[in-house]
Amino acid sequence: MDAAWTGLAEAIQQLRAELDAATAEGDGKRLRFELGQIELEFQVELKRTGSADGGLRWGIVSAGAKGELAHGSGQRIKLVLQPTDTTTGRAAEVASRWTDPEIG
């Protein structure tokens, strides 16, 4: 995939890592936030790869990318994710990164 692209899987992995960090930071905090649906919207391009497998790849078009889309098809997609805590099976919770010294 081109350097200007981020794969959908990579974007979701990064989101998961950020939410996981916020969840870990919130352990033991009195005030926590339940996560509701998360909506992500991307401008993507479907591109045929030149590799031996000759497959198709979806990639998020970088905001800083210049030039025209070549041999691809630009589309907007929207993903709706519902984060679930795998240990409890319930909606995931995170804490604010801001900590009030009076409530910990």
PDB file of N, CA and C in Angstrom:
ATOM      1  N   MET A   1       0.849  -1.182   0.000  1.00  0.00           N
ATOM      2  CA  MET A   1       0.000   0.000   0.000  1.00  0.00           C
ATOM      3  C   MET A   1       0.891   1.241   0.000  1.00  0.00           C
ATOM      4  N   ASP A   2       0.453   2.265  -0.638  1.00  0.00           N
ATOM      5  CA  ASP A   2       1.243   3.490  -0.749  1.00  0.00           C
ATOM      6  C   ASP A   2       1.487   4.098   0.617  1.00  0.00           C
ATOM      7  N   ALA A   3       2.584   4.871   0.738  1.00  0.00           N
ATOM      8  CA  ALA A   3       2.932   5.525   2.003  1.00  0.00           C
ATOM      9  C   ALA A   3       1.865   6.521   2.431  1.00  0.00           C
ATOM     10  N   ALA A   4       1.110   7.084   1.472  1.00  0.00           N
ATOM     11  CA  ALA A   4       0.081   8.070   1.800  1.00  0.00           C
ATOM     12  C   ALA A   4      -1.178   7.413   2.365  1.00  0.00           C
ATOM     13  N   TRP A   5      -1.237   6.116   2.374  1.00  0.00           N
ATOM     14  CA  TRP A   5      -2.427   5.386   2.827  1.00  0.00           C
ATOM     15  C   TRP A   5      -2.249   4.843   4.232  1.00  0.00           C
ATOM     16  N   THR A   6      -3.355   4.758   4.930  1.00  0.00           N
ATOM     17  CA  THR A   6      -3.442   4.019   6.179  1.00  0.00           C
ATOM     18  C   THR A   6      -4.510   2.973   5.954  1.00  0.00           C
ATOM     19  N   GLY A   7      -4.219   1.738   6.246  1.00  0.00           N
ATOM     20  CA  GLY A   7      -5.207   0.682   6.083  1.00  0.00           C
ATOM     21  C   GLY A   7      -6.314   0.801   7.123  1.00  0.00           C
ATOM     22  N   LEU A   8      -7.492   0.293   6.794  1.00  0.00           N
ATOM     23  CA  LEU A   8      -8.607   0.319   7.739  1.00  0.00           C
ATOM     24  C   LEU A   8      -8.256  -0.429   9.025  1.00  0.00           C
ATOM     25  N   ALA A   9      -7.617  -1.578   8.880  1.00  0.00           N
ATOM     26  CA  ALA A   9      -7.240  -2.356  10.061  1.00  0.00           C
ATOM     27  C   ALA A   9      -6.294  -1.563  10.965  1.00  0.00           C
ATOM     28  N   GLU A  10      -5.342  -0.868  10.358  1.00  0.00           N
ATOM     29  CA  GLU A  10      -4.392  -0.061  11.137  1.00  0.00           C
ATOM     30  C   GLU A  10      -5.107   1.065  11.879  1.00  0.00           C
ATOM     31  N   ALA A  11      -6.068   1.709  11.226  1.00  0.00           N
ATOM     32  CA  ALA A  11      -6.820   2.798  11.869  1.00  0.00           C
ATOM     33  C   ALA A  11      -7.621   2.273  13.054  1.00  0.00           C
ATOM     34  N   ILE A  12      -8.252   1.121  12.890  1.00  0.00           N
ATOM     35  CA  ILE A  12      -9.042   0.543  13.982  1.00  0.00           C
ATOM     36  C   ILE A  12      -8.129   0.062  15.102  1.00  0.00           C
ATOM     37  N   GLN A  13      -6.975  -0.506  14.755  1.00  0.00           N
ATOM     38  CA  GLN A  13      -6.007  -0.919  15.780  1.00  0.00           C
ATOM     39  C   GLN A  13      -5.546   0.272  16.608  1.00  0.00           C
ATOM     40  N   GLN A  14      -5.300   1.405  15.954  1.00  0.00           N
ATOM     41  CA  GLN A  14      -4.863   2.613  16.668  1.00  0.00           C
ATOM     42  C   GLN A  14      -5.961   3.116  17.593  1.00  0.00           C
ATOM     43  N   LEU A  15      -7.203   3.109  17.106  1.00  0.00           N
ATOM     44  CA  LEU A  15      -8.333   3.518  17.949  1.00  0.00           C
ATOM     45  C   LEU A  15      -8.447   2.592  19.154  1.00  0.00           C
ATOM     46  N   ARG A  16      -8.332   1.291  18.929  1.00  0.00           N
ATOM     47  CA  ARG A  16      -8.400   0.318  20.027  1.00  0.00           C
ATOM     48  C   ARG A  16      -7.301   0.583  21.053  1.00  0.00           C
ATOM     49  N   ALA A  17      -6.085   0.874  20.580  1.00  0.00           N
ATOM     50  CA  ALA A  17      -4.966   1.141  21.491  1.00  0.00           C
ATOM     51  C   ALA A  17      -5.228   2.392  22.325  1.00  0.00           C
ATOM     52  N   GLU A  18      -5.776   3.447  21.701  1.00  0.00           N
ATOM     53  CA  GLU A  18      -6.079   4.677  22.434  1.00  0.00           C
ATOM     54  C   GLU A  18      -7.171   4.430  23.486  1.00  0.00           C
ATOM     55  N   LEU A  19      -8.218   3.694  23.106  1.00  0.00           N
ATOM     56  CA  LEU A  19      -9.296   3.403  24.061  1.00  0.00           C
ATOM     57  C   LEU A  19      -8.793   2.496  25.183  1.00  0.00           C
ATOM     58  N   ASP A  20      -7.930   1.546  24.843  1.00  0.00           N
ATOM     59  CA  ASP A  20      -7.355   0.664  25.860  1.00  0.00           C
ATOM     60  C   ASP A  20      -6.502   1.462  26.844  1.00  0.00           C
ATOM     61  N   ALA A  21      -5.727   2.430  26.337  1.00  0.00           N
ATOM     62  CA  ALA A  21      -4.908   3.284  27.212  1.00  0.00           C
ATOM     63  C   ALA A  21      -5.802   4.119  28.128  1.00  0.00           C
ATOM     64  N   ALA A  22      -6.904   4.651  27.580  1.00  0.00           N
ATOM     65  CA  ALA A  22      -7.824   5.450  28.401  1.00  0.00           C
ATOM     66  C   ALA A  22      -8.496   4.581  29.461  1.00  0.00           C
ATOM     67  N   THR A  23      -8.803   3.343  29.105  1.00  0.00           N
ATOM     68  CA  THR A  23      -9.408   2.422  30.066  1.00  0.00           C
ATOM     69  C   THR A  23      -8.423   2.105  31.197  1.00  0.00           C
ATOM     70  N   ALA A  24      -7.180   1.822  30.825  1.00  0.00           N
ATOM     71  CA  ALA A  24      -6.161   1.515  31.842  1.00  0.00           C
ATOM     72  C   ALA A  24      -5.918   2.716  32.747  1.00  0.00           C
ATOM     73  N   GLU A  25      -5.905   3.913  32.177  1.00  0.00           N
ATOM     74  CA  GLU A  25      -5.693   5.124  32.964  1.00  0.00           C
ATOM     75  C   GLU A  25      -6.840   5.323  33.945  1.00  0.00           C
ATOM     76  N   GLY A  26      -8.018   4.832  33.595  1.00  0.00           N
ATOM     77  CA  GLY A  26      -9.194   5.010  34.441  1.00  0.00           C
ATOM     78  C   GLY A  26      -9.349   3.993  35.552  1.00  0.00           C
ATOM     79  N   ASP A  27      -8.521   2.941  35.555  1.00  0.00           N
ATOM     80  CA  ASP A  27      -8.628   1.940  36.620  1.00  0.00           C
ATOM     81  C   ASP A  27      -8.473   2.587  37.989  1.00  0.00           C
ATOM     82  N   GLY A  28      -9.406   2.317  38.852  1.00  0.00           N
ATOM     83  CA  GLY A  28      -9.361   2.834  40.211  1.00  0.00           C
ATOM     84  C   GLY A  28      -9.893   4.251  40.364  1.00  0.00           C
ATOM     85  N   LYS A  29     -10.300   4.877  39.280  1.00  0.00           N
ATOM     86  CA  LYS A  29     -10.840   6.236  39.356  1.00  0.00           C
ATOM     87  C   LYS A  29     -12.312   6.169  39.737  1.00  0.00           C
ATOM     88  N   ARG A  30     -12.769   7.145  40.496  1.00  0.00           N
ATOM     89  CA  ARG A  30     -14.164   7.185  40.909  1.00  0.00           C
ATOM     90  C   ARG A  30     -15.079   7.541  39.747  1.00  0.00           C
ATOM     91  N   LEU A  31     -14.647   8.442  38.891  1.00  0.00           N
ATOM     92  CA  LEU A  31     -15.459   8.895  37.767  1.00  0.00           C
ATOM     93  C   LEU A  31     -14.989   8.200  36.500  1.00  0.00           C
ATOM     94  N   ARG A  32     -15.909   7.475  35.879  1.00  0.00           N
ATOM     95  CA  ARG A  32     -15.616   6.772  34.623  1.00  0.00           C
ATOM     96  C   ARG A  32     -16.714   7.094  33.627  1.00  0.00           C
ATOM     97  N   PHE A  33     -16.452   6.869  32.361  1.00  0.00           N
ATOM     98  CA  PHE A  33     -17.405   7.147  31.299  1.00  0.00           C
ATOM     99  C   PHE A  33     -17.679   5.869  30.529  1.00  0.00           C
ATOM    100  N   GLU A  34     -18.955   5.537  30.366  1.00  0.00           N
ATOM    101  CA  GLU A  34     -19.316   4.392  29.548  1.00  0.00           C
ATOM    102  C   GLU A  34     -19.242   4.811  28.088  1.00  0.00           C
ATOM    103  N   LEU A  35     -18.614   3.977  27.285  1.00  0.00           N
ATOM    104  CA  LEU A  35     -18.510   4.279  25.862  1.00  0.00           C
ATOM    105  C   LEU A  35     -19.788   3.850  25.161  1.00  0.00           C
ATOM    106  N   GLY A  36     -20.313   4.732  24.347  1.00  0.00           N
ATOM    107  CA  GLY A  36     -21.435   4.386  23.489  1.00  0.00           C
ATOM    108  C   GLY A  36     -20.901   4.048  22.111  1.00  0.00           C
ATOM    109  N   GLN A  37     -21.765   4.099  21.140  1.00  0.00           N
ATOM    110  CA  GLN A  37     -21.337   3.819  19.777  1.00  0.00           C
ATOM    111  C   GLN A  37     -20.284   4.820  19.331  1.00  0.00           C
ATOM    112  N   ILE A  38     -19.325   4.325  18.596  1.00  0.00           N
ATOM    113  CA  ILE A  38     -18.282   5.168  18.026  1.00  0.00           C
ATOM    114  C   ILE A  38     -18.472   5.145  16.516  1.00  0.00           C
ATOM    115  N   GLU A  39     -18.641   6.321  15.929  1.00  0.00           N
ATOM    116  CA  GLU A  39     -18.812   6.421  14.488  1.00  0.00           C
ATOM    117  C   GLU A  39     -17.547   6.966  13.861  1.00  0.00           C
ATOM    118  N   LEU A  40     -17.041   6.253  12.887  1.00  0.00           N
ATOM    119  CA  LEU A  40     -15.850   6.659  12.154  1.00  0.00           C
ATOM    120  C   LEU A  40     -16.241   6.829  10.692  1.00  0.00           C
ATOM    121  N   GLU A  41     -15.787   7.899  10.084  1.00  0.00           N
ATOM    122  CA  GLU A  41     -16.061   8.114   8.671  1.00  0.00           C
ATOM    123  C   GLU A  41     -14.735   8.364   7.972  1.00  0.00           C
ATOM    124  N   PHE A  42     -14.519   7.648   6.890  1.00  0.00           N
ATOM    125  CA  PHE A  42     -13.257   7.726   6.168  1.00  0.00           C
ATOM    126  C   PHE A  42     -13.491   7.981   4.689  1.00  0.00           C
ATOM    127  N   GLN A  43     -12.551   8.662   4.072  1.00  0.00           N
ATOM    128  CA  GLN A  43     -12.464   8.732   2.612  1.00  0.00           C
ATOM    129  C   GLN A  43     -11.495   7.615   2.241  1.00  0.00           C
ATOM    130  N   VAL A  44     -11.961   6.651   1.474  1.00  0.00           N
ATOM    131  CA  VAL A  44     -11.133   5.493   1.149  1.00  0.00           C
ATOM    132  C   VAL A  44     -11.008   5.343  -0.359  1.00  0.00           C
ATOM    133  N   GLU A  45     -10.039   4.557  -0.733  1.00  0.00           N
ATOM    134  CA  GLU A  45      -9.821   4.244  -2.137  1.00  0.00           C
ATOM    135  C   GLU A  45      -9.623   2.743  -2.253  1.00  0.00           C
ATOM    136  N   LEU A  46     -10.252   2.155  -3.245  1.00  0.00           N
ATOM    137  CA  LEU A  46     -10.054   0.741  -3.550  1.00  0.00           C
ATOM    138  C   LEU A  46      -9.005   0.672  -4.646  1.00  0.00           C
ATOM    139  N   LYS A  47      -7.954  -0.075  -4.405  1.00  0.00           N
ATOM    140  CA  LYS A  47      -6.830  -0.085  -5.342  1.00  0.00           C
ATOM    141  C   LYS A  47      -6.382  -1.511  -5.599  1.00  0.00           C
ATOM    142  N   ARG A  48      -6.127  -1.790  -6.841  1.00  0.00           N
ATOM    143  CA  ARG A  48      -5.570  -3.093  -7.212  1.00  0.00           C
ATOM    144  C   ARG A  48      -4.071  -3.053  -6.944  1.00  0.00           C
ATOM    145  N   THR A  49      -3.586  -4.032  -6.220  1.00  0.00           N
ATOM    146  CA  THR A  49      -2.162  -4.058  -5.887  1.00  0.00           C
ATOM    147  C   THR A  49      -1.379  -4.712  -7.018  1.00  0.00           C
ATOM    148  N   GLY A  50      -0.128  -4.362  -7.100  1.00  0.00           N
ATOM    149  CA  GLY A  50       0.740  -4.923  -8.129  1.00  0.00           C
ATOM    150  C   GLY A  50       1.511  -6.128  -7.637  1.00  0.00           C
ATOM    151  N   SER A  51       1.162  -6.618  -6.463  1.00  0.00           N
ATOM    152  CA  SER A  51       1.904  -7.747  -5.895  1.00  0.00           C
ATOM    153  C   SER A  51       1.516  -9.050  -6.587  1.00  0.00           C
ATOM    154  N   ALA A  52       2.188 -10.120  -6.216  1.00  0.00           N
ATOM    155  CA  ALA A  52       1.970 -11.428  -6.838  1.00  0.00           C
ATOM    156  C   ALA A  52       0.533 -11.914  -6.668  1.00  0.00           C
ATOM    157  N   ASP A  53      -0.105 -11.593  -5.527  1.00  0.00           N
ATOM    158  CA  ASP A  53      -1.479 -12.062  -5.310  1.00  0.00           C
ATOM    159  C   ASP A  53      -2.502 -11.234  -6.090  1.00  0.00           C
ATOM    160  N   GLY A  54      -2.104 -10.041  -6.570  1.00  0.00           N
ATOM    161  CA  GLY A  54      -2.970  -9.212  -7.408  1.00  0.00           C
ATOM    162  C   GLY A  54      -4.308  -8.879  -6.788  1.00  0.00           C
ATOM    163  N   GLY A  55      -4.354  -8.720  -5.488  1.00  0.00           N
ATOM    164  CA  GLY A  55      -5.614  -8.465  -4.791  1.00  0.00           C
ATOM    165  C   GLY A  55      -6.033  -7.010  -4.813  1.00  0.00           C
ATOM    166  N   LEU A  56      -7.167  -6.758  -4.187  1.00  0.00           N
ATOM    167  CA  LEU A  56      -7.674  -5.407  -4.014  1.00  0.00           C
ATOM    168  C   LEU A  56      -7.478  -5.008  -2.559  1.00  0.00           C
ATOM    169  N   ARG A  57      -7.189  -3.745  -2.330  1.00  0.00           N
ATOM    170  CA  ARG A  57      -6.955  -3.232  -0.975  1.00  0.00           C
ATOM    171  C   ARG A  57      -7.775  -1.970  -0.758  1.00  0.00           C
ATOM    172  N   TRP A  58      -8.368  -1.838   0.434  1.00  0.00           N
ATOM    173  CA  TRP A  58      -9.008  -0.592   0.854  1.00  0.00           C
ATOM    174  C   TRP A  58      -7.986   0.181   1.657  1.00  0.00           C
ATOM    175  N   GLY A  59      -7.868   1.459   1.406  1.00  0.00           N
ATOM    176  CA  GLY A  59      -6.966   2.293   2.181  1.00  0.00           C
ATOM    177  C   GLY A  59      -7.598   3.638   2.430  1.00  0.00           C
ATOM    178  N   ILE A  60      -7.316   4.193   3.603  1.00  0.00           N
ATOM    179  CA  ILE A  60      -7.781   5.530   3.946  1.00  0.00           C
ATOM    180  C   ILE A  60      -6.859   6.505   3.238  1.00  0.00           C
ATOM    181  N   VAL A  61      -7.436   7.399   2.471  1.00  0.00           N
ATOM    182  CA  VAL A  61      -6.646   8.379   1.746  1.00  0.00           C
ATOM    183  C   VAL A  61      -6.183   9.443   2.737  1.00  0.00           C
ATOM    184  N   SER A  62      -4.893   9.662   2.832  1.00  0.00           N
ATOM    185  CA  SER A  62      -4.324  10.625   3.765  1.00  0.00           C
ATOM    186  C   SER A  62      -4.765  12.036   3.410  1.00  0.00           C
ATOM    187  N   ALA A  63      -5.039  12.849   4.419  1.00  0.00           N
ATOM    188  CA  ALA A  63      -5.455  14.230   4.189  1.00  0.00           C
ATOM    189  C   ALA A  63      -4.358  15.029   3.507  1.00  0.00           C
ATOM    190  N   GLY A  64      -3.107  14.632   3.708  1.00  0.00           N
ATOM    191  CA  GLY A  64      -2.005  15.362   3.110  1.00  0.00           C
ATOM    192  C   GLY A  64      -1.602  14.851   1.741  1.00  0.00           C
ATOM    193  N   ALA A  65      -2.286  13.838   1.239  1.00  0.00           N
ATOM    194  CA  ALA A  65      -1.917  13.261  -0.051  1.00  0.00           C
ATOM    195  C   ALA A  65      -2.198  14.249  -1.183  1.00  0.00           C
ATOM    196  N   LYS A  66      -1.305  14.293  -2.140  1.00  0.00           N
ATOM    197  CA  LYS A  66      -1.477  15.179  -3.295  1.00  0.00           C
ATOM    198  C   LYS A  66      -1.559  14.323  -4.548  1.00  0.00           C
ATOM    199  N   GLY A  67      -2.097  14.901  -5.584  1.00  0.00           N
ATOM    200  CA  GLY A  67      -2.186  14.192  -6.853  1.00  0.00           C
ATOM    201  C   GLY A  67      -3.563  13.593  -7.049  1.00  0.00           C
ATOM    202  N   GLU A  68      -3.728  12.974  -8.187  1.00  0.00           N
ATOM    203  CA  GLU A  68      -5.012  12.397  -8.535  1.00  0.00           C
ATOM    204  C   GLU A  68      -5.046  10.935  -8.128  1.00  0.00           C
ATOM    205  N   LEU A  69      -6.268  10.428  -7.928  1.00  0.00           N
ATOM    206  CA  LEU A  69      -6.431   9.012  -7.647  1.00  0.00           C
ATOM    207  C   LEU A  69      -6.231   8.258  -8.957  1.00  0.00           C
ATOM    208  N   ALA A  70      -5.265   7.359  -8.998  1.00  0.00           N
ATOM    209  CA  ALA A  70      -4.988   6.626 -10.218  1.00  0.00           C
ATOM    210  C   ALA A  70      -5.351   5.164 -10.031  1.00  0.00           C
ATOM    211  N   HIS A  71      -6.036   4.601 -10.980  1.00  0.00           N
ATOM    212  CA  HIS A  71      -6.414   3.198 -10.961  1.00  0.00           C
ATOM    213  C   HIS A  71      -7.142   2.822  -9.684  1.00  0.00           C
ATOM    214  N   GLY A  72      -7.941   3.732  -9.157  1.00  0.00           N
ATOM    215  CA  GLY A  72      -8.663   3.454  -7.921  1.00  0.00           C
ATOM    216  C   GLY A  72     -10.044   4.047  -7.969  1.00  0.00           C
ATOM    217  N   SER A  73     -10.762   3.829  -6.898  1.00  0.00           N
ATOM    218  CA  SER A  73     -12.127   4.322  -6.808  1.00  0.00           C
ATOM    219  C   SER A  73     -12.300   4.958  -5.436  1.00  0.00           C
ATOM    220  N   GLY A  74     -12.474   6.291  -5.363  1.00  0.00           N
ATOM    221  CA  GLY A  74     -12.635   6.978  -4.088  1.00  0.00           C
ATOM    222  C   GLY A  74     -14.059   6.848  -3.569  1.00  0.00           C
ATOM    223  N   GLN A  75     -14.204   6.507  -2.305  1.00  0.00           N
ATOM    224  CA  GLN A  75     -15.505   6.325  -1.665  1.00  0.00           C
ATOM    225  C   GLN A  75     -15.436   6.835  -0.235  1.00  0.00           C
ATOM    226  N   ARG A  76     -16.596   7.180   0.321  1.00  0.00           N
ATOM    227  CA  ARG A  76     -16.682   7.499   1.742  1.00  0.00           C
ATOM    228  C   ARG A  76     -17.371   6.323   2.409  1.00  0.00           C
ATOM    229  N   ILE A  77     -16.809   5.862   3.511  1.00  0.00           N
ATOM    230  CA  ILE A  77     -17.463   4.802   4.265  1.00  0.00           C
ATOM    231  C   ILE A  77     -17.613   5.239   5.712  1.00  0.00           C
ATOM    232  N   LYS A  78     -18.618   4.719   6.350  1.00  0.00           N
ATOM    233  CA  LYS A  78     -18.879   5.024   7.751  1.00  0.00           C
ATOM    234  C   LYS A  78     -18.955   3.700   8.507  1.00  0.00           C
ATOM    235  N   LEU A  79     -18.179   3.593   9.571  1.00  0.00           N
ATOM    236  CA  LEU A  79     -18.196   2.421  10.435  1.00  0.00           C
ATOM    237  C   LEU A  79     -18.804   2.819  11.766  1.00  0.00           C
ATOM    238  N   VAL A  80     -19.677   1.990  12.292  1.00  0.00           N
ATOM    239  CA  VAL A  80     -20.253   2.211  13.617  1.00  0.00           C
ATOM    240  C   VAL A  80     -19.795   1.053  14.491  1.00  0.00           C
ATOM    241  N   LEU A  81     -19.033   1.372  15.529  1.00  0.00           N
ATOM    242  CA  LEU A  81     -18.463   0.365  16.421  1.00  0.00           C
ATOM    243  C   LEU A  81     -19.092   0.485  17.801  1.00  0.00           C
ATOM    244  N   GLN A  82     -19.305  -0.634  18.452  1.00  0.00           N
ATOM    245  CA  GLN A  82     -19.815  -0.649  19.823  1.00  0.00           C
ATOM    246  C   GLN A  82     -18.744  -1.320  20.689  1.00  0.00           C
ATOM    247  N   PRO A  83     -17.946  -0.527  21.416  1.00  0.00           N
ATOM    248  CA  PRO A  83     -16.873  -1.104  22.230  1.00  0.00           C
ATOM    249  C   PRO A  83     -17.435  -1.933  23.378  1.00  0.00           C
ATOM    250  N   THR A  84     -16.885  -3.121  23.555  1.00  0.00           N
ATOM    251  CA  THR A  84     -17.308  -4.029  24.613  1.00  0.00           C
ATOM    252  C   THR A  84     -16.088  -4.452  25.416  1.00  0.00           C
ATOM    253  N   ASP A  85     -16.227  -4.470  26.733  1.00  0.00           N
ATOM    254  CA  ASP A  85     -15.164  -4.949  27.620  1.00  0.00           C
ATOM    255  C   ASP A  85     -15.195  -6.469  27.581  1.00  0.00           C
ATOM    256  N   THR A  86     -14.126  -7.085  27.109  1.00  0.00           N
ATOM    257  CA  THR A  86     -14.123  -8.542  26.953  1.00  0.00           C
ATOM    258  C   THR A  86     -14.120  -9.287  28.282  1.00  0.00           C
ATOM    259  N   THR A  87     -13.738  -8.637  29.366  1.00  0.00           N
ATOM    260  CA  THR A  87     -13.745  -9.316  30.665  1.00  0.00           C
ATOM    261  C   THR A  87     -15.129  -9.320  31.309  1.00  0.00           C
ATOM    262  N   THR A  88     -15.943  -8.302  31.022  1.00  0.00           N
ATOM    263  CA  THR A  88     -17.274  -8.225  31.634  1.00  0.00           C
ATOM    264  C   THR A  88     -18.400  -8.486  30.640  1.00  0.00           C
ATOM    265  N   GLY A  89     -18.117  -8.326  29.343  1.00  0.00           N
ATOM    266  CA  GLY A  89     -19.147  -8.473  28.332  1.00  0.00           C
ATOM    267  C   GLY A  89     -20.079  -7.268  28.241  1.00  0.00           C
ATOM    268  N   ARG A  90     -19.800  -6.231  29.010  1.00  0.00           N
ATOM    269  CA  ARG A  90     -20.629  -5.012  28.997  1.00  0.00           C
ATOM    270  C   ARG A  90     -19.943  -3.918  28.198  1.00  0.00           C
ATOM    271  N   ALA A  91     -20.665  -2.797  28.064  1.00  0.00           N
ATOM    272  CA  ALA A  91     -20.084  -1.644  27.374  1.00  0.00           C
ATOM    273  C   ALA A  91     -18.785  -1.241  28.061  1.00  0.00           C
ATOM    274  N   ALA A  92     -17.787  -0.904  27.261  1.00  0.00           N
ATOM    275  CA  ALA A  92     -16.498  -0.494  27.807  1.00  0.00           C
ATOM    276  C   ALA A  92     -16.630   0.852  28.508  1.00  0.00           C
ATOM    277  N   GLU A  93     -15.750   1.087  29.468  1.00  0.00           N
ATOM    278  CA  GLU A  93     -15.718   2.354  30.194  1.00  0.00           C
ATOM    279  C   GLU A  93     -14.310   2.908  30.162  1.00  0.00           C
ATOM    280  N   VAL A  94     -14.222   4.223  30.096  1.00  0.00           N
ATOM    281  CA  VAL A  94     -12.931   4.909  30.165  1.00  0.00           C
ATOM    282  C   VAL A  94     -13.052   6.031  31.177  1.00  0.00           C
ATOM    283  N   ALA A  95     -11.910   6.525  31.614  1.00  0.00           N
ATOM    284  CA  ALA A  95     -11.895   7.675  32.516  1.00  0.00           C
ATOM    285  C   ALA A  95     -11.369   8.866  31.756  1.00  0.00           C
ATOM    286  N   SER A  96     -11.686  10.019  32.255  1.00  0.00           N
ATOM    287  CA  SER A  96     -11.157  11.242  31.673  1.00  0.00           C
ATOM    288  C   SER A  96      -9.668  11.283  31.913  1.00  0.00           C
ATOM    289  N   ARG A  97      -8.916  11.870  31.010  1.00  0.00           N
ATOM    290  CA  ARG A  97      -7.476  12.047  31.221  1.00  0.00           C
ATOM    291  C   ARG A  97      -7.218  13.141  32.248  1.00  0.00           C
ATOM    292  N   TRP A  98      -8.207  14.003  32.446  1.00  0.00           N
ATOM    293  CA  TRP A  98      -8.097  15.048  33.457  1.00  0.00           C
ATOM    294  C   TRP A  98      -8.423  14.439  34.816  1.00  0.00           C
ATOM    295  N   THR A  99      -7.623  14.704  35.817  1.00  0.00           N
ATOM    296  CA  THR A  99      -7.855  14.173  37.140  1.00  0.00           C
ATOM    297  C   THR A  99      -8.013  15.317  38.130  1.00  0.00           C
ATOM    298  N   ASP A 100      -9.145  15.331  38.824  1.00  0.00           N
ATOM    299  CA  ASP A 100      -9.393  16.321  39.866  1.00  0.00           C
ATOM    300  C   ASP A 100      -8.724  15.817  41.133  1.00  0.00           C
ATOM    301  N   PRO A 101      -7.767  16.564  41.705  1.00  0.00           N
ATOM    302  CA  PRO A 101      -7.042  16.098  42.879  1.00  0.00           C
ATOM    303  C   PRO A 101      -7.957  15.822  44.066  1.00  0.00           C
ATOM    304  N   GLU A 102      -9.131  16.440  44.101  1.00  0.00           N
ATOM    305  CA  GLU A 102     -10.048  16.232  45.229  1.00  0.00           C
ATOM    306  C   GLU A 102     -10.801  14.927  45.133  1.00  0.00           C
ATOM    307  N   ILE A 103     -10.965  14.381  43.910  1.00  0.00           N
ATOM    308  CA  ILE A 103     -11.699  13.112  43.804  1.00  0.00           C
ATOM    309  C   ILE A 103     -10.820  11.982  43.297  1.00  0.00           C
ATOM    310  N   GLY A 104      -9.562  12.288  42.993  1.00  0.00           N
ATOM    311  CA  GLY A 104      -8.623  11.252  42.591  1.00  0.00           C
ATOM    312  C   GLY A 104      -8.799  10.884  41.193  1.00  0.00           C
TER     313      GLY A 104
END
